[in-house]
Amino acid sequence: MKKNIAIIILMVGLVISMYFNYQFKAYKDNQEVEYTVKLNHGTQMGIKESIFN
């Protein structure tokens, strides 16, 4: 009986986790693109500054 309750609690937790992961997927994707743009921009600025110096 205790084993069944534990399995049910874990399954409910899994479903809730999947729901929130799906809800924030667009935010995570947008954040990843923004980070890549910032990284590329920073790298280009660093190369330009090195050339100017």
PDB file of N, CA and C in Angstrom:
ATOM      1  N   MET A   1       0.816  -1.194   0.000  1.00  0.00           N
ATOM      2  CA  MET A   1       0.000   0.000   0.000  1.00  0.00           C
ATOM      3  C   MET A   1       0.864   1.265   0.000  1.00  0.00           C
ATOM      4  N   LYS A   2       1.900   1.277   0.855  1.00  0.00           N
ATOM      5  CA  LYS A   2       2.790   2.443   0.895  1.00  0.00           C
ATOM      6  C   LYS A   2       3.541   2.597  -0.421  1.00  0.00           C
ATOM      7  N   LYS A   3       3.867   1.471  -1.042  1.00  0.00           N
ATOM      8  CA  LYS A   3       4.589   1.517  -2.318  1.00  0.00           C
ATOM      9  C   LYS A   3       3.719   2.165  -3.397  1.00  0.00           C
ATOM     10  N   ASN A   4       2.422   1.835  -3.410  1.00  0.00           N
ATOM     11  CA  ASN A   4       1.511   2.415  -4.396  1.00  0.00           C
ATOM     12  C   ASN A   4       1.356   3.916  -4.198  1.00  0.00           C
ATOM     13  N   ILE A   5       1.281   4.354  -2.948  1.00  0.00           N
ATOM     14  CA  ILE A   5       1.150   5.790  -2.665  1.00  0.00           C
ATOM     15  C   ILE A   5       2.400   6.523  -3.128  1.00  0.00           C
ATOM     16  N   ALA A   6       3.563   5.941  -2.880  1.00  0.00           N
ATOM     17  CA  ALA A   6       4.811   6.568  -3.309  1.00  0.00           C
ATOM     18  C   ALA A   6       4.870   6.676  -4.833  1.00  0.00           C
ATOM     19  N   ILE A   7       4.443   5.651  -5.531  1.00  0.00           N
ATOM     20  CA  ILE A   7       4.446   5.668  -6.997  1.00  0.00           C
ATOM     21  C   ILE A   7       3.482   6.738  -7.515  1.00  0.00           C
ATOM     22  N   ILE A   8       2.313   6.860  -6.901  1.00  0.00           N
ATOM     23  CA  ILE A   8       1.339   7.869  -7.320  1.00  0.00           C
ATOM     24  C   ILE A   8       1.897   9.270  -7.104  1.00  0.00           C
ATOM     25  N   ILE A   9       2.534   9.508  -5.961  1.00  0.00           N
ATOM     26  CA  ILE A   9       3.122  10.820  -5.676  1.00  0.00           C
ATOM     27  C   ILE A   9       4.218  11.140  -6.692  1.00  0.00           C
ATOM     28  N   LEU A  10       5.052  10.181  -7.018  1.00  0.00           N
ATOM     29  CA  LEU A  10       6.108  10.397  -8.005  1.00  0.00           C
ATOM     30  C   LEU A  10       5.531  10.682  -9.390  1.00  0.00           C
ATOM     31  N   MET A  11       4.486   9.985  -9.768  1.00  0.00           N
ATOM     32  CA  MET A  11       3.863  10.215 -11.076  1.00  0.00           C
ATOM     33  C   MET A  11       3.238  11.608 -11.159  1.00  0.00           C
ATOM     34  N   VAL A  12       2.577  12.036 -10.082  1.00  0.00           N
ATOM     35  CA  VAL A  12       1.990  13.375 -10.057  1.00  0.00           C
ATOM     36  C   VAL A  12       3.096  14.421 -10.161  1.00  0.00           C
ATOM     37  N   GLY A  13       4.191  14.216  -9.433  1.00  0.00           N
ATOM     38  CA  GLY A  13       5.330  15.137  -9.509  1.00  0.00           C
ATOM     39  C   GLY A  13       5.913  15.191 -10.912  1.00  0.00           C
ATOM     40  N   LEU A  14       5.987  14.058 -11.571  1.00  0.00           N
ATOM     41  CA  LEU A  14       6.510  14.002 -12.933  1.00  0.00           C
ATOM     42  C   LEU A  14       5.616  14.778 -13.899  1.00  0.00           C
ATOM     43  N   VAL A  15       4.309  14.599 -13.769  1.00  0.00           N
ATOM     44  CA  VAL A  15       3.367  15.302 -14.648  1.00  0.00           C
ATOM     45  C   VAL A  15       3.459  16.814 -14.413  1.00  0.00           C
ATOM     46  N   ILE A  16       3.530  17.242 -13.166  1.00  0.00           N
ATOM     47  CA  ILE A  16       3.649  18.677 -12.865  1.00  0.00           C
ATOM     48  C   ILE A  16       4.952  19.226 -13.424  1.00  0.00           C
ATOM     49  N   SER A  17       6.029  18.481 -13.270  1.00  0.00           N
ATOM     50  CA  SER A  17       7.321  18.908 -13.796  1.00  0.00           C
ATOM     51  C   SER A  17       7.282  19.049 -15.315  1.00  0.00           C
ATOM     52  N   MET A  18       6.680  18.087 -15.994  1.00  0.00           N
ATOM     53  CA  MET A  18       6.570  18.155 -17.456  1.00  0.00           C
ATOM     54  C   MET A  18       5.721  19.355 -17.883  1.00  0.00           C
ATOM     55  N   TYR A  19       4.656  19.644 -17.136  1.00  0.00           N
ATOM     56  CA  TYR A  19       3.788  20.773 -17.463  1.00  0.00           C
ATOM     57  C   TYR A  19       4.558  22.088 -17.380  1.00  0.00           C
ATOM     58  N   PHE A  20       5.291  22.297 -16.279  1.00  0.00           N
ATOM     59  CA  PHE A  20       6.030  23.541 -16.133  1.00  0.00           C
ATOM     60  C   PHE A  20       7.187  23.631 -17.115  1.00  0.00           C
ATOM     61  N   ASN A  21       7.811  22.514 -17.426  1.00  0.00           N
ATOM     62  CA  ASN A  21       8.883  22.516 -18.413  1.00  0.00           C
ATOM     63  C   ASN A  21       8.344  22.939 -19.777  1.00  0.00           C
ATOM     64  N   TYR A  22       7.154  22.472 -20.137  1.00  0.00           N
ATOM     65  CA  TYR A  22       6.531  22.851 -21.404  1.00  0.00           C
ATOM     66  C   TYR A  22       6.126  24.326 -21.398  1.00  0.00           C
ATOM     67  N   GLN A  23       5.631  24.812 -20.256  1.00  0.00           N
ATOM     68  CA  GLN A  23       5.200  26.210 -20.160  1.00  0.00           C
ATOM     69  C   GLN A  23       6.366  27.168 -20.379  1.00  0.00           C
ATOM     70  N   PHE A  24       7.546  26.838 -19.842  1.00  0.00           N
ATOM     71  CA  PHE A  24       8.693  27.743 -19.909  1.00  0.00           C
ATOM     72  C   PHE A  24       9.618  27.455 -21.085  1.00  0.00           C
ATOM     73  N   LYS A  25       9.198  26.591 -22.010  1.00  0.00           N
ATOM     74  CA  LYS A  25      10.051  26.241 -23.145  1.00  0.00           C
ATOM     75  C   LYS A  25      10.342  27.456 -24.029  1.00  0.00           C
ATOM     76  N   ALA A  26       9.334  28.269 -24.316  1.00  0.00           N
ATOM     77  CA  ALA A  26       9.534  29.440 -25.162  1.00  0.00           C
ATOM     78  C   ALA A  26      10.502  30.418 -24.490  1.00  0.00           C
ATOM     79  N   TYR A  27      10.382  30.577 -23.186  1.00  0.00           N
ATOM     80  CA  TYR A  27      11.281  31.474 -22.459  1.00  0.00           C
ATOM     81  C   TYR A  27      12.721  30.964 -22.508  1.00  0.00           C
ATOM     82  N   LYS A  28      12.894  29.664 -22.328  1.00  0.00           N
ATOM     83  CA  LYS A  28      14.239  29.075 -22.363  1.00  0.00           C
ATOM     84  C   LYS A  28      14.862  29.207 -23.753  1.00  0.00           C
ATOM     85  N   ASP A  29      14.061  28.950 -24.803  1.00  0.00           N
ATOM     86  CA  ASP A  29      14.571  29.079 -26.171  1.00  0.00           C
ATOM     87  C   ASP A  29      14.985  30.514 -26.461  1.00  0.00           C
ATOM     88  N   ASN A  30      14.166  31.466 -26.049  1.00  0.00           N
ATOM     89  CA  ASN A  30      14.473  32.878 -26.268  1.00  0.00           C
ATOM     90  C   ASN A  30      15.739  33.277 -25.513  1.00  0.00           C
ATOM     91  N   GLN A  31      15.891  32.775 -24.307  1.00  0.00           N
ATOM     92  CA  GLN A  31      17.066  33.087 -23.500  1.00  0.00           C
ATOM     93  C   GLN A  31      18.327  32.527 -24.151  1.00  0.00           C
ATOM     94  N   GLU A  32      18.245  31.339 -24.735  1.00  0.00           N
ATOM     95  CA  GLU A  32      19.399  30.721 -25.380  1.00  0.00           C
ATOM     96  C   GLU A  32      19.827  31.524 -26.608  1.00  0.00           C
ATOM     97  N   VAL A  33      18.861  31.982 -27.415  1.00  0.00           N
ATOM     98  CA  VAL A  33      19.179  32.779 -28.600  1.00  0.00           C
ATOM     99  C   VAL A  33      19.825  34.094 -28.176  1.00  0.00           C
ATOM    100  N   GLU A  34      19.270  34.724 -27.143  1.00  0.00           N
ATOM    101  CA  GLU A  34      19.802  35.997 -26.660  1.00  0.00           C
ATOM    102  C   GLU A  34      21.240  35.827 -26.174  1.00  0.00           C
ATOM    103  N   TYR A  35      21.520  34.727 -25.478  1.00  0.00           N
ATOM    104  CA  TYR A  35      22.867  34.467 -24.989  1.00  0.00           C
ATOM    105  C   TYR A  35      23.835  34.280 -26.159  1.00  0.00           C
ATOM    106  N   THR A  36      23.408  33.563 -27.195  1.00  0.00           N
ATOM    107  CA  THR A  36      24.267  33.337 -28.361  1.00  0.00           C
ATOM    108  C   THR A  36      24.579  34.660 -29.055  1.00  0.00           C
ATOM    109  N   VAL A  37      23.580  35.522 -29.195  1.00  0.00           N
ATOM    110  CA  VAL A  37      23.798  36.831 -29.832  1.00  0.00           C
ATOM    111  C   VAL A  37      24.792  37.650 -29.014  1.00  0.00           C
ATOM    112  N   LYS A  38      24.610  37.657 -27.692  1.00  0.00           N
ATOM    113  CA  LYS A  38      25.526  38.411 -26.827  1.00  0.00           C
ATOM    114  C   LYS A  38      26.942  37.849 -26.918  1.00  0.00           C
ATOM    115  N   LEU A  39      27.064  36.525 -26.953  1.00  0.00           N
ATOM    116  CA  LEU A  39      28.384  35.896 -27.036  1.00  0.00           C
ATOM    117  C   LEU A  39      29.062  36.259 -28.349  1.00  0.00           C
ATOM    118  N   ASN A  40      28.332  36.183 -29.456  1.00  0.00           N
ATOM    119  CA  ASN A  40      28.904  36.541 -30.759  1.00  0.00           C
ATOM    120  C   ASN A  40      29.289  38.016 -30.799  1.00  0.00           C
ATOM    121  N   HIS A  41      28.437  38.870 -30.279  1.00  0.00           N
ATOM    122  CA  HIS A  41      28.715  40.305 -30.283  1.00  0.00           C
ATOM    123  C   HIS A  41      29.962  40.599 -29.436  1.00  0.00           C
ATOM    124  N   GLY A  42      30.052  39.965 -28.264  1.00  0.00           N
ATOM    125  CA  GLY A  42      31.213  40.172 -27.399  1.00  0.00           C
ATOM    126  C   GLY A  42      32.496  39.689 -28.045  1.00  0.00           C
ATOM    127  N   THR A  43      32.434  38.575 -28.732  1.00  0.00           N
ATOM    128  CA  THR A  43      33.622  38.042 -29.408  1.00  0.00           C
ATOM    129  C   THR A  43      34.052  38.975 -30.543  1.00  0.00           C
ATOM    130  N   GLN A  44      33.100  39.471 -31.305  1.00  0.00           N
ATOM    131  CA  GLN A  44      33.432  40.380 -32.406  1.00  0.00           C
ATOM    132  C   GLN A  44      34.023  41.677 -31.880  1.00  0.00           C
ATOM    133  N   MET A  45      33.456  42.205 -30.803  1.00  0.00           N
ATOM    134  CA  MET A  45      33.985  43.446 -30.229  1.00  0.00           C
ATOM    135  C   MET A  45      35.402  43.229 -29.705  1.00  0.00           C
ATOM    136  N   GLY A  46      35.639  42.077 -29.110  1.00  0.00           N
ATOM    137  CA  GLY A  46      36.978  41.777 -28.603  1.00  0.00           C
ATOM    138  C   GLY A  46      37.999  41.707 -29.718  1.00  0.00           C
ATOM    139  N   ILE A  47      37.626  41.115 -30.843  1.00  0.00           N
ATOM    140  CA  ILE A  47      38.543  41.015 -31.989  1.00  0.00           C
ATOM    141  C   ILE A  47      38.810  42.405 -32.554  1.00  0.00           C
ATOM    142  N   LYS A  48      37.744  43.230 -32.677  1.00  0.00           N
ATOM    143  CA  LYS A  48      37.924  44.588 -33.211  1.00  0.00           C
ATOM    144  C   LYS A  48      38.818  45.431 -32.293  1.00  0.00           C
ATOM    145  N   GLU A  49      38.595  45.312 -30.988  1.00  0.00           N
ATOM    146  CA  GLU A  49      39.414  46.081 -30.045  1.00  0.00           C
ATOM    147  C   GLU A  49      40.873  45.656 -30.120  1.00  0.00           C
ATOM    148  N   SER A  50      41.118  44.372 -30.287  1.00  0.00           N
ATOM    149  CA  SER A  50      42.499  43.891 -30.395  1.00  0.00           C
ATOM    150  C   SER A  50      43.169  44.448 -31.648  1.00  0.00           C
ATOM    151  N   ILE A  51      42.414  44.511 -32.751  1.00  0.00           N
ATOM    152  CA  ILE A  51      42.981  45.043 -33.993  1.00  0.00           C
ATOM    153  C   ILE A  51      43.285  46.520 -33.849  1.00  0.00           C
ATOM    154  N   PHE A  52      42.354  47.274 -33.214  1.00  0.00           N
ATOM    155  CA  PHE A  52      42.560  48.717 -33.038  1.00  0.00           C
ATOM    156  C   PHE A  52      43.743  49.004 -32.130  1.00  0.00           C
ATOM    157  N   ASN A  53      43.967  48.158 -31.148  1.00  0.00           N
ATOM    158  CA  ASN A  53      45.083  48.375 -30.229  1.00  0.00           C
ATOM    159  C   ASN A  53      46.380  47.944 -30.900  1.00  0.00           C
TER     160      ASN A  53
END
